Amino acid sequence: MKRVLICYFSGTGNTKKVVNRASECLQQEGCDVTLYNIDDDNFDHDLNSFDMLGVAYPVHAFNAPSNVIKFIKSLNKLKKDEKTKKRVKKPLFIIKTSGEPLALNNISSVKIKSILKKKGFILNNEYHYCMPYNIIFRHTDNMAYKMWNTADKVIPIDCREIVEGKKSKLKYFPFGRFLAWIFRVEHWGGRVNGKRYKVNDKCINCQACVKRCPTHNITIENGEFKFGKNCLMCMRCSFHCPKNAIKIGWFEKWKVNGAYNFNNPNETEEEKHKKYCKKSYNKYFARNQKKIEEFEKIS
């Protein structure tokens, strides 16, 4: 039985939904799976006791979130083999989610791949799943349903590849490392913009945002909500606010509030962004549908 550790971060729940499905599928393939939420900030697992490592995250401005990179840097190197005195090598798989299927999202794992390679983990598998936006604009529930329905059927196929050792990697954009470095300005920009977050008079003082913030960036002083300098712009606070009471600074017009309905598509719901990345979405769904059909033929 292969022991698998999946370390993940999920802003508003999309990545967690994908990871839970992957965990379920890997267990069906005979693996012993351990999930670690990077939010917990109390990592005490021995990497040497696992057969493979998985890392999962939502794409932020074509990069992994800064807390994920920080966590990856904190991991210990694998031990050296006692006989050969060489560092043990173990397989790595990466799962990423984003609101659009642009190839530019593939570069988001460049930094993580590089760091973990030095620690003894070699990337064998990499997968990207489209899940609905929690910033920029709100996808329709019909699109959210379509995205999840696709991921739900493809994840079992991808997990079988992981277990069987069949390599599957995403193509990186030319000069990907350089482009990722440029877009990493979002890490700094998020911290600056995060200090501009505000709570308006709709607030009912439930303090859900304070409790849920992954970096403990939201505090209450003298009855007032304070937003610090450690914001990831993961949108967890504003997306889940029950009264839509949080203003997100410079990106207020891009704010998305409220959970999606992944189970019941609404065919009559108005689609305001029909042309947005239309070709990319069509290719993404067509490619995965073909993958699903080919898998069903041999199953």
C-alpha atoms as a PDB file:
ATOM      1  CA  MET A   1       0.000   0.000   0.000  1.00  0.00           C
ATOM      2  CA  LYS A   2       1.402   3.356  -1.054  1.00  0.00           C
ATOM      3  CA  ARG A   3       1.374   6.107   1.551  1.00  0.00           C
ATOM      4  CA  VAL A   4       0.467   9.476   0.062  1.00  0.00           C
ATOM      5  CA  LEU A   5       0.653  12.883   1.718  1.00  0.00           C
ATOM      6  CA  ILE A   6      -1.272  15.759   0.112  1.00  0.00           C
ATOM      7  CA  CYS A   7      -0.527  19.248   1.421  1.00  0.00           C
ATOM      8  CA  TYR A   8      -3.069  21.778   0.232  1.00  0.00           C
ATOM      9  CA  PHE A   9      -4.317  25.322   0.563  1.00  0.00           C
ATOM     10  CA  SER A  10      -7.822  26.337  -0.438  1.00  0.00           C
ATOM     11  CA  GLY A  11      -9.005  29.934  -0.468  1.00  0.00           C
ATOM     12  CA  THR A  12     -12.771  29.611  -0.704  1.00  0.00           C
ATOM     13  CA  GLY A  13     -13.202  25.845  -0.988  1.00  0.00           C
ATOM     14  CA  ASN A  14     -12.669  24.930  -4.659  1.00  0.00           C
ATOM     15  CA  THR A  15      -9.241  23.356  -4.185  1.00  0.00           C
ATOM     16  CA  LYS A  16     -10.393  21.542  -1.051  1.00  0.00           C
ATOM     17  CA  LYS A  17     -13.313  20.083  -3.014  1.00  0.00           C
ATOM     18  CA  VAL A  18     -10.901  18.800  -5.675  1.00  0.00           C
ATOM     19  CA  VAL A  19      -8.442  17.457  -3.082  1.00  0.00           C
ATOM     20  CA  ASN A  20     -11.161  15.579  -1.210  1.00  0.00           C
ATOM     21  CA  ARG A  21     -12.212  13.932  -4.467  1.00  0.00           C
ATOM     22  CA  ALA A  22      -8.594  13.054  -5.280  1.00  0.00           C
ATOM     23  CA  SER A  23      -8.117  11.583  -1.807  1.00  0.00           C
ATOM     24  CA  GLU A  24     -11.211   9.453  -2.272  1.00  0.00           C
ATOM     25  CA  CYS A  25      -9.992   8.194  -5.660  1.00  0.00           C
ATOM     26  CA  LEU A  26      -6.459   7.449  -4.458  1.00  0.00           C
ATOM     27  CA  GLN A  27      -7.893   5.412  -1.596  1.00  0.00           C
ATOM     28  CA  GLN A  28      -9.998   3.470  -4.101  1.00  0.00           C
ATOM     29  CA  GLU A  29      -6.738   2.724  -5.916  1.00  0.00           C
ATOM     30  CA  GLY A  30      -5.382   1.195  -2.719  1.00  0.00           C
ATOM     31  CA  CYS A  31      -3.443   4.141  -1.273  1.00  0.00           C
ATOM     32  CA  ASP A  32      -3.259   5.271   2.337  1.00  0.00           C
ATOM     33  CA  VAL A  33      -3.876   9.031   2.049  1.00  0.00           C
ATOM     34  CA  THR A  34      -3.087  11.740   4.595  1.00  0.00           C
ATOM     35  CA  LEU A  35      -4.361  15.282   3.994  1.00  0.00           C
ATOM     36  CA  TYR A  36      -2.664  18.299   5.517  1.00  0.00           C
ATOM     37  CA  ASN A  37      -4.282  21.738   5.352  1.00  0.00           C
ATOM     38  CA  ILE A  38      -1.543  24.390   5.200  1.00  0.00           C
ATOM     39  CA  ASP A  39      -3.859  26.663   7.217  1.00  0.00           C
ATOM     40  CA  ASP A  40      -3.206  24.508  10.284  1.00  0.00           C
ATOM     41  CA  ASP A  41       0.372  25.768  10.634  1.00  0.00           C
ATOM     42  CA  ASN A  42       1.432  22.758  12.740  1.00  0.00           C
ATOM     43  CA  PHE A  43       3.080  20.400  10.265  1.00  0.00           C
ATOM     44  CA  ASP A  44       4.580  17.433  12.084  1.00  0.00           C
ATOM     45  CA  HIS A  45       4.703  14.708   9.431  1.00  0.00           C
ATOM     46  CA  ASP A  46       7.885  12.833   8.507  1.00  0.00           C
ATOM     47  CA  LEU A  47       8.185  13.103   4.725  1.00  0.00           C
ATOM     48  CA  ASN A  48      10.454  10.067   4.672  1.00  0.00           C
ATOM     49  CA  SER A  49       7.567   7.864   5.818  1.00  0.00           C
ATOM     50  CA  PHE A  50       5.499   8.604   2.699  1.00  0.00           C
ATOM     51  CA  ASP A  51       5.911   7.115  -0.760  1.00  0.00           C
ATOM     52  CA  MET A  52       4.851  10.246  -2.616  1.00  0.00           C
ATOM     53  CA  LEU A  53       3.930  13.873  -2.006  1.00  0.00           C
ATOM     54  CA  GLY A  54       1.088  15.903  -3.474  1.00  0.00           C
ATOM     55  CA  VAL A  55       0.756  19.697  -3.366  1.00  0.00           C
ATOM     56  CA  ALA A  56      -2.505  21.443  -4.227  1.00  0.00           C
ATOM     57  CA  TYR A  57      -3.396  25.134  -4.436  1.00  0.00           C
ATOM     58  CA  PRO A  58      -5.482  27.756  -6.264  1.00  0.00           C
ATOM     59  CA  VAL A  59      -3.593  29.802  -8.849  1.00  0.00           C
ATOM     60  CA  HIS A  60      -3.007  33.425  -7.803  1.00  0.00           C
ATOM     61  CA  ALA A  61      -1.922  35.676 -10.683  1.00  0.00           C
ATOM     62  CA  PHE A  62      -0.243  32.738 -12.480  1.00  0.00           C
ATOM     63  CA  ASN A  63       1.619  31.740  -9.313  1.00  0.00           C
ATOM     64  CA  ALA A  64       1.130  29.603  -6.247  1.00  0.00           C
ATOM     65  CA  PRO A  65      -0.064  31.631  -3.223  1.00  0.00           C
ATOM     66  CA  SER A  66       2.742  33.045  -1.098  1.00  0.00           C
ATOM     67  CA  ASN A  67       1.802  30.952   1.954  1.00  0.00           C
ATOM     68  CA  VAL A  68       2.125  27.768  -0.122  1.00  0.00           C
ATOM     69  CA  ILE A  69       5.613  28.724  -1.289  1.00  0.00           C
ATOM     70  CA  LYS A  70       6.564  29.626   2.293  1.00  0.00           C
ATOM     71  CA  PHE A  71       5.316  26.251   3.489  1.00  0.00           C
ATOM     72  CA  ILE A  72       7.179  24.346   0.772  1.00  0.00           C
ATOM     73  CA  LYS A  73      10.405  26.133   1.714  1.00  0.00           C
ATOM     74  CA  SER A  74       9.957  25.055   5.334  1.00  0.00           C
ATOM     75  CA  LEU A  75       9.864  21.322   4.510  1.00  0.00           C
ATOM     76  CA  ASN A  76      12.899  19.217   5.346  1.00  0.00           C
ATOM     77  CA  LYS A  77      14.954  17.437   2.727  1.00  0.00           C
ATOM     78  CA  LEU A  78      14.498  13.707   2.323  1.00  0.00           C
ATOM     79  CA  LYS A  79      17.130  11.635   4.099  1.00  0.00           C
ATOM     80  CA  LYS A  80      20.067  10.064   2.297  1.00  0.00           C
ATOM     81  CA  ASP A  81      20.154   6.346   1.604  1.00  0.00           C
ATOM     82  CA  GLU A  82      22.393   4.667   4.192  1.00  0.00           C
ATOM     83  CA  LYS A  83      24.084   2.457   1.601  1.00  0.00           C
ATOM     84  CA  THR A  84      24.573   4.792  -1.349  1.00  0.00           C
ATOM     85  CA  LYS A  85      24.786   7.994   0.728  1.00  0.00           C
ATOM     86  CA  LYS A  86      22.692   9.651  -1.964  1.00  0.00           C
ATOM     87  CA  ARG A  87      19.513  11.544  -1.272  1.00  0.00           C
ATOM     88  CA  VAL A  88      16.367   9.457  -1.697  1.00  0.00           C
ATOM     89  CA  LYS A  89      14.136  10.531  -4.609  1.00  0.00           C
ATOM     90  CA  LYS A  90      10.363  10.355  -4.342  1.00  0.00           C
ATOM     91  CA  PRO A  91       7.583  11.234  -6.794  1.00  0.00           C
ATOM     92  CA  LEU A  92       5.682  14.493  -6.601  1.00  0.00           C
ATOM     93  CA  PHE A  93       2.315  15.431  -8.073  1.00  0.00           C
ATOM     94  CA  ILE A  94       0.818  18.919  -8.230  1.00  0.00           C
ATOM     95  CA  ILE A  95      -2.849  19.857  -8.413  1.00  0.00           C
ATOM     96  CA  LYS A  96      -3.894  23.410  -9.249  1.00  0.00           C
ATOM     97  CA  THR A  97      -7.260  25.075  -9.695  1.00  0.00           C
ATOM     98  CA  SER A  98      -8.211  28.317 -11.419  1.00  0.00           C
ATOM     99  CA  GLY A  99     -11.198  30.031 -12.976  1.00  0.00           C
ATOM    100  CA  GLU A 100      -9.921  29.847 -16.537  1.00  0.00           C
ATOM    101  CA  PRO A 101      -8.036  27.186 -18.538  1.00  0.00           C
ATOM    102  CA  LEU A 102      -5.265  29.454 -19.817  1.00  0.00           C
ATOM    103  CA  ALA A 103      -1.919  27.777 -20.502  1.00  0.00           C
ATOM    104  CA  LEU A 104      -0.246  30.629 -18.638  1.00  0.00           C
ATOM    105  CA  ASN A 105      -1.544  29.082 -15.403  1.00  0.00           C
ATOM    106  CA  ASN A 106       0.867  26.187 -15.938  1.00  0.00           C
ATOM    107  CA  ILE A 107       3.829  28.322 -14.899  1.00  0.00           C
ATOM    108  CA  SER A 108       2.371  28.677 -11.400  1.00  0.00           C
ATOM    109  CA  SER A 109       4.180  25.543 -10.235  1.00  0.00           C
ATOM    110  CA  VAL A 110       7.656  26.492 -11.495  1.00  0.00           C
ATOM    111  CA  LYS A 111       8.804  27.774  -8.100  1.00  0.00           C
ATOM    112  CA  ILE A 112       7.354  24.846  -6.149  1.00  0.00           C
ATOM    113  CA  LYS A 113       8.834  22.297  -8.538  1.00  0.00           C
ATOM    114  CA  SER A 114      12.275  23.868  -8.201  1.00  0.00           C
ATOM    115  CA  ILE A 115      12.217  24.013  -4.387  1.00  0.00           C
ATOM    116  CA  LEU A 116      10.977  20.457  -3.933  1.00  0.00           C
ATOM    117  CA  LYS A 117      13.463  19.038  -6.426  1.00  0.00           C
ATOM    118  CA  LYS A 118      16.267  20.197  -4.131  1.00  0.00           C
ATOM    119  CA  LYS A 119      14.544  18.418  -1.251  1.00  0.00           C
ATOM    120  CA  GLY A 120      14.353  15.106  -3.150  1.00  0.00           C
ATOM    121  CA  PHE A 121      10.933  15.211  -4.824  1.00  0.00           C
ATOM    122  CA  ILE A 122      10.697  14.777  -8.591  1.00  0.00           C
ATOM    123  CA  LEU A 123       7.599  16.006 -10.425  1.00  0.00           C
ATOM    124  CA  ASN A 124       5.856  13.148 -12.244  1.00  0.00           C
ATOM    125  CA  ASN A 125       2.293  14.390 -12.529  1.00  0.00           C
ATOM    126  CA  GLU A 126       0.648  17.787 -12.782  1.00  0.00           C
ATOM    127  CA  TYR A 127      -3.035  18.568 -13.237  1.00  0.00           C
ATOM    128  CA  HIS A 128      -5.076  21.724 -13.680  1.00  0.00           C
ATOM    129  CA  TYR A 129      -8.822  21.814 -13.007  1.00  0.00           C
ATOM    130  CA  CYS A 130     -11.139  24.708 -13.799  1.00  0.00           C
ATOM    131  CA  MET A 131     -13.305  25.782 -10.894  1.00  0.00           C
ATOM    132  CA  PRO A 132     -15.457  28.947 -10.665  1.00  0.00           C
ATOM    133  CA  TYR A 133     -13.987  32.359  -9.862  1.00  0.00           C
ATOM    134  CA  ASN A 134     -14.018  33.869  -6.395  1.00  0.00           C
ATOM    135  CA  ILE A 135     -12.789  37.173  -7.832  1.00  0.00           C
ATOM    136  CA  ILE A 136     -12.981  38.990 -11.208  1.00  0.00           C
ATOM    137  CA  PHE A 137     -16.593  38.000 -11.963  1.00  0.00           C
ATOM    138  CA  ARG A 138     -19.159  35.453 -10.904  1.00  0.00           C
ATOM    139  CA  HIS A 139     -19.559  32.398 -13.085  1.00  0.00           C
ATOM    140  CA  THR A 140     -23.100  31.137 -13.497  1.00  0.00           C
ATOM    141  CA  ASP A 141     -24.117  28.152 -11.406  1.00  0.00           C
ATOM    142  CA  ASN A 142     -24.553  26.330 -14.699  1.00  0.00           C
ATOM    143  CA  MET A 143     -20.871  26.876 -15.501  1.00  0.00           C
ATOM    144  CA  ALA A 144     -19.889  25.952 -11.946  1.00  0.00           C
ATOM    145  CA  TYR A 145     -21.836  22.702 -12.340  1.00  0.00           C
ATOM    146  CA  LYS A 146     -20.148  21.991 -15.668  1.00  0.00           C
ATOM    147  CA  MET A 147     -16.692  22.668 -14.231  1.00  0.00           C
ATOM    148  CA  TRP A 148     -17.209  20.412 -11.226  1.00  0.00           C
ATOM    149  CA  ASN A 149     -18.930  17.672 -13.210  1.00  0.00           C
ATOM    150  CA  THR A 150     -15.890  17.586 -15.511  1.00  0.00           C
ATOM    151  CA  ALA A 151     -13.361  17.551 -12.666  1.00  0.00           C
ATOM    152  CA  ASP A 152     -15.353  14.924 -10.787  1.00  0.00           C
ATOM    153  CA  LYS A 153     -15.085  12.532 -13.757  1.00  0.00           C
ATOM    154  CA  VAL A 154     -11.471  13.305 -14.697  1.00  0.00           C
ATOM    155  CA  ILE A 155      -9.901  13.151 -11.231  1.00  0.00           C
ATOM    156  CA  PRO A 156     -10.289   9.335 -10.947  1.00  0.00           C
ATOM    157  CA  ILE A 157      -8.469   8.948 -14.269  1.00  0.00           C
ATOM    158  CA  ASP A 158      -5.648  11.216 -13.155  1.00  0.00           C
ATOM    159  CA  CYS A 159      -5.336   9.458  -9.799  1.00  0.00           C
ATOM    160  CA  ARG A 160      -4.924   6.115 -11.539  1.00  0.00           C
ATOM    161  CA  GLU A 161      -2.092   7.644 -13.589  1.00  0.00           C
ATOM    162  CA  ILE A 162      -0.431   8.815 -10.376  1.00  0.00           C
ATOM    163  CA  VAL A 163      -0.651   5.390  -8.723  1.00  0.00           C
ATOM    164  CA  GLU A 164       0.485   3.496 -11.830  1.00  0.00           C
ATOM    165  CA  GLY A 165       3.471   5.814 -12.283  1.00  0.00           C
ATOM    166  CA  LYS A 166       2.312   7.093 -15.655  1.00  0.00           C
ATOM    167  CA  LYS A 167       3.833  10.536 -16.021  1.00  0.00           C
ATOM    168  CA  SER A 168       1.648  13.455 -17.041  1.00  0.00           C
ATOM    169  CA  LYS A 169       3.012  16.995 -17.131  1.00  0.00           C
ATOM    170  CA  LEU A 170       1.676  20.340 -18.305  1.00  0.00           C
ATOM    171  CA  LYS A 171       3.446  22.365 -20.964  1.00  0.00           C
ATOM    172  CA  TYR A 172       5.110  25.506 -19.671  1.00  0.00           C
ATOM    173  CA  PHE A 173       4.930  28.845 -21.421  1.00  0.00           C
ATOM    174  CA  PRO A 174       8.185  30.032 -23.080  1.00  0.00           C
ATOM    175  CA  PHE A 175      10.274  31.914 -20.493  1.00  0.00           C
ATOM    176  CA  GLY A 176       7.868  30.552 -17.863  1.00  0.00           C
ATOM    177  CA  ARG A 177      10.201  31.040 -14.923  1.00  0.00           C
ATOM    178  CA  PHE A 178      10.746  34.700 -15.848  1.00  0.00           C
ATOM    179  CA  LEU A 179       7.021  35.310 -16.385  1.00  0.00           C
ATOM    180  CA  ALA A 180       6.162  33.681 -13.065  1.00  0.00           C
ATOM    181  CA  TRP A 181       8.709  35.921 -11.347  1.00  0.00           C
ATOM    182  CA  ILE A 182       7.120  39.034 -12.886  1.00  0.00           C
ATOM    183  CA  PHE A 183       3.569  38.047 -11.919  1.00  0.00           C
ATOM    184  CA  ARG A 184       4.744  37.245  -8.395  1.00  0.00           C
ATOM    185  CA  VAL A 185       4.355  40.976  -7.740  1.00  0.00           C
ATOM    186  CA  GLU A 186       0.809  39.962  -6.770  1.00  0.00           C
ATOM    187  CA  HIS A 187       2.206  38.637  -3.493  1.00  0.00           C
ATOM    188  CA  TRP A 188       3.405  42.127  -2.597  1.00  0.00           C
ATOM    189  CA  GLY A 189       0.400  43.827  -4.161  1.00  0.00           C
ATOM    190  CA  GLY A 190      -1.997  41.631  -2.208  1.00  0.00           C
ATOM    191  CA  ARG A 191      -0.468  42.724   1.073  1.00  0.00           C
ATOM    192  CA  VAL A 192      -0.716  46.383   0.095  1.00  0.00           C
ATOM    193  CA  ASN A 193      -4.283  46.095  -1.159  1.00  0.00           C
ATOM    194  CA  GLY A 194      -5.281  43.971   1.823  1.00  0.00           C
ATOM    195  CA  LYS A 195      -4.720  46.893   4.153  1.00  0.00           C
ATOM    196  CA  ARG A 196      -7.396  48.747   2.180  1.00  0.00           C
ATOM    197  CA  TYR A 197     -10.096  46.183   3.011  1.00  0.00           C
ATOM    198  CA  LYS A 198     -12.984  47.630   4.991  1.00  0.00           C
ATOM    199  CA  VAL A 199     -16.169  46.463   6.690  1.00  0.00           C
ATOM    200  CA  ASN A 200     -19.316  48.444   5.941  1.00  0.00           C
ATOM    201  CA  ASP A 201     -22.509  48.968   7.948  1.00  0.00           C
ATOM    202  CA  LYS A 202     -24.039  45.697   6.666  1.00  0.00           C
ATOM    203  CA  CYS A 203     -21.743  43.815   9.059  1.00  0.00           C
ATOM    204  CA  ILE A 204     -23.555  41.783  11.755  1.00  0.00           C
ATOM    205  CA  ASN A 205     -20.344  41.179  13.748  1.00  0.00           C
ATOM    206  CA  CYS A 206     -20.429  37.396  13.232  1.00  0.00           C
ATOM    207  CA  GLN A 207     -16.611  37.528  13.003  1.00  0.00           C
ATOM    208  CA  ALA A 208     -16.559  34.667  10.498  1.00  0.00           C
ATOM    209  CA  CYS A 209     -13.894  36.561   8.537  1.00  0.00           C
ATOM    210  CA  VAL A 210     -11.662  36.796  11.622  1.00  0.00           C
ATOM    211  CA  LYS A 211     -11.969  33.080  12.344  1.00  0.00           C
ATOM    212  CA  ARG A 212     -11.455  31.957   8.744  1.00  0.00           C
ATOM    213  CA  CYS A 213      -8.522  34.135   7.648  1.00  0.00           C
ATOM    214  CA  PRO A 214      -5.602  31.772   6.863  1.00  0.00           C
ATOM    215  CA  THR A 215      -2.959  34.331   7.885  1.00  0.00           C
ATOM    216  CA  HIS A 216      -4.821  35.761  10.912  1.00  0.00           C
ATOM    217  CA  ASN A 217      -4.745  39.088   9.118  1.00  0.00           C
ATOM    218  CA  ILE A 218      -8.104  40.303  10.438  1.00  0.00           C
ATOM    219  CA  THR A 219      -8.421  41.462  14.033  1.00  0.00           C
ATOM    220  CA  ILE A 220     -10.834  43.520  16.086  1.00  0.00           C
ATOM    221  CA  GLU A 221      -9.551  46.467  18.091  1.00  0.00           C
ATOM    222  CA  ASN A 222     -11.872  48.575  20.188  1.00  0.00           C
ATOM    223  CA  GLY A 223     -14.829  47.152  18.311  1.00  0.00           C
ATOM    224  CA  GLU A 224     -13.366  47.958  14.859  1.00  0.00           C
ATOM    225  CA  PHE A 225     -12.196  45.478  12.237  1.00  0.00           C
ATOM    226  CA  LYS A 226      -8.534  45.888  11.327  1.00  0.00           C
ATOM    227  CA  PHE A 227      -6.914  44.425   8.203  1.00  0.00           C
ATOM    228  CA  GLY A 228      -3.153  43.927   8.452  1.00  0.00           C
ATOM    229  CA  LYS A 229      -0.291  43.505   5.985  1.00  0.00           C
ATOM    230  CA  ASN A 230      -0.399  39.731   5.526  1.00  0.00           C
ATOM    231  CA  CYS A 231      -3.342  39.443   3.125  1.00  0.00           C
ATOM    232  CA  LEU A 232      -3.128  36.668   0.498  1.00  0.00           C
ATOM    233  CA  MET A 233      -6.156  37.981  -1.409  1.00  0.00           C
ATOM    234  CA  CYS A 234      -7.560  34.477  -1.174  1.00  0.00           C
ATOM    235  CA  MET A 235     -11.034  36.106  -0.963  1.00  0.00           C
ATOM    236  CA  ARG A 236     -12.158  33.781   1.829  1.00  0.00           C
ATOM    237  CA  CYS A 237     -13.377  36.657   3.991  1.00  0.00           C
ATOM    238  CA  SER A 238     -15.361  38.531   1.326  1.00  0.00           C
ATOM    239  CA  PHE A 239     -16.605  35.469  -0.564  1.00  0.00           C
ATOM    240  CA  HIS A 240     -18.126  33.846   2.513  1.00  0.00           C
ATOM    241  CA  CYS A 241     -19.368  36.994   4.270  1.00  0.00           C
ATOM    242  CA  PRO A 242     -23.094  36.311   4.921  1.00  0.00           C
ATOM    243  CA  LYS A 243     -23.991  39.984   4.431  1.00  0.00           C
ATOM    244  CA  ASN A 244     -21.506  40.878   1.675  1.00  0.00           C
ATOM    245  CA  ALA A 245     -20.134  43.487   4.064  1.00  0.00           C
ATOM    246  CA  ILE A 246     -16.439  43.483   3.153  1.00  0.00           C
ATOM    247  CA  LYS A 247     -14.984  45.885   0.599  1.00  0.00           C
ATOM    248  CA  ILE A 248     -11.822  44.549  -1.051  1.00  0.00           C
ATOM    249  CA  GLY A 249      -9.884  47.718  -1.780  1.00  0.00           C
ATOM    250  CA  TRP A 250      -8.849  48.436  -5.371  1.00  0.00           C
ATOM    251  CA  PHE A 251     -10.623  45.298  -6.595  1.00  0.00           C
ATOM    252  CA  GLU A 252     -14.088  46.014  -5.225  1.00  0.00           C
ATOM    253  CA  LYS A 253     -15.616  45.887  -8.716  1.00  0.00           C
ATOM    254  CA  TRP A 254     -14.211  42.370  -9.112  1.00  0.00           C
ATOM    255  CA  LYS A 255     -15.688  41.064  -5.867  1.00  0.00           C
ATOM    256  CA  VAL A 256     -17.628  37.790  -5.898  1.00  0.00           C
ATOM    257  CA  ASN A 257     -19.794  36.922  -2.895  1.00  0.00           C
ATOM    258  CA  GLY A 258     -21.648  33.748  -2.004  1.00  0.00           C
ATOM    259  CA  ALA A 259     -21.230  30.024  -2.592  1.00  0.00           C
ATOM    260  CA  TYR A 260     -21.917  28.401  -5.949  1.00  0.00           C
ATOM    261  CA  ASN A 261     -24.477  25.679  -6.530  1.00  0.00           C
ATOM    262  CA  PHE A 262     -22.473  22.783  -7.948  1.00  0.00           C
ATOM    263  CA  ASN A 263     -25.360  20.322  -7.945  1.00  0.00           C
ATOM    264  CA  ASN A 264     -28.279  21.940  -9.759  1.00  0.00           C
ATOM    265  CA  PRO A 265     -27.521  23.843 -12.979  1.00  0.00           C
ATOM    266  CA  ASN A 266     -29.848  26.689 -13.849  1.00  0.00           C
ATOM    267  CA  GLU A 267     -30.186  26.693 -17.622  1.00  0.00           C
ATOM    268  CA  THR A 268     -32.183  29.967 -17.581  1.00  0.00           C
ATOM    269  CA  GLU A 269     -29.545  31.922 -15.652  1.00  0.00           C
ATOM    270  CA  GLU A 270     -28.182  34.833 -17.677  1.00  0.00           C
ATOM    271  CA  GLU A 271     -24.591  34.411 -18.867  1.00  0.00           C
ATOM    272  CA  LYS A 272     -22.963  37.859 -18.881  1.00  0.00           C
ATOM    273  CA  HIS A 273     -19.514  36.704 -19.995  1.00  0.00           C
ATOM    274  CA  LYS A 274     -20.227  34.373 -22.920  1.00  0.00           C
ATOM    275  CA  LYS A 275     -17.176  35.429 -24.935  1.00  0.00           C
ATOM    276  CA  TYR A 276     -14.677  35.438 -22.064  1.00  0.00           C
ATOM    277  CA  CYS A 277     -11.945  32.856 -22.829  1.00  0.00           C
ATOM    278  CA  LYS A 278     -14.543  31.049 -24.929  1.00  0.00           C
ATOM    279  CA  LYS A 279     -12.050  29.135 -27.074  1.00  0.00           C
ATOM    280  CA  SER A 280     -10.000  28.095 -24.047  1.00  0.00           C
ATOM    281  CA  TYR A 281     -13.052  26.798 -22.199  1.00  0.00           C
ATOM    282  CA  ASN A 282     -14.267  24.905 -25.256  1.00  0.00           C
ATOM    283  CA  LYS A 283     -10.870  23.238 -25.671  1.00  0.00           C
ATOM    284  CA  TYR A 284     -10.682  22.417 -21.974  1.00  0.00           C
ATOM    285  CA  PHE A 285     -14.085  20.729 -21.860  1.00  0.00           C
ATOM    286  CA  ALA A 286     -13.593  18.954 -25.198  1.00  0.00           C
ATOM    287  CA  ARG A 287     -10.165  17.627 -24.183  1.00  0.00           C
ATOM    288  CA  ASN A 288     -11.438  16.282 -20.882  1.00  0.00           C
ATOM    289  CA  GLN A 289     -14.580  14.817 -22.417  1.00  0.00           C
ATOM    290  CA  LYS A 290     -12.391  12.868 -24.840  1.00  0.00           C
ATOM    291  CA  LYS A 291     -10.252  11.688 -21.930  1.00  0.00           C
ATOM    292  CA  ILE A 292     -13.356  10.533 -20.034  1.00  0.00           C
ATOM    293  CA  GLU A 293     -14.773   8.682 -23.037  1.00  0.00           C
ATOM    294  CA  GLU A 294     -11.479   6.902 -23.764  1.00  0.00           C
ATOM    295  CA  PHE A 295     -11.210   5.841 -20.128  1.00  0.00           C
ATOM    296  CA  GLU A 296     -14.763   4.499 -20.062  1.00  0.00           C
ATOM    297  CA  LYS A 297     -14.033   2.350 -23.143  1.00  0.00           C
ATOM    298  CA  ILE A 298     -11.209   0.496 -21.422  1.00  0.00           C
ATOM    299  CA  SER A 299     -12.808   0.312 -17.975  1.00  0.00           C
END
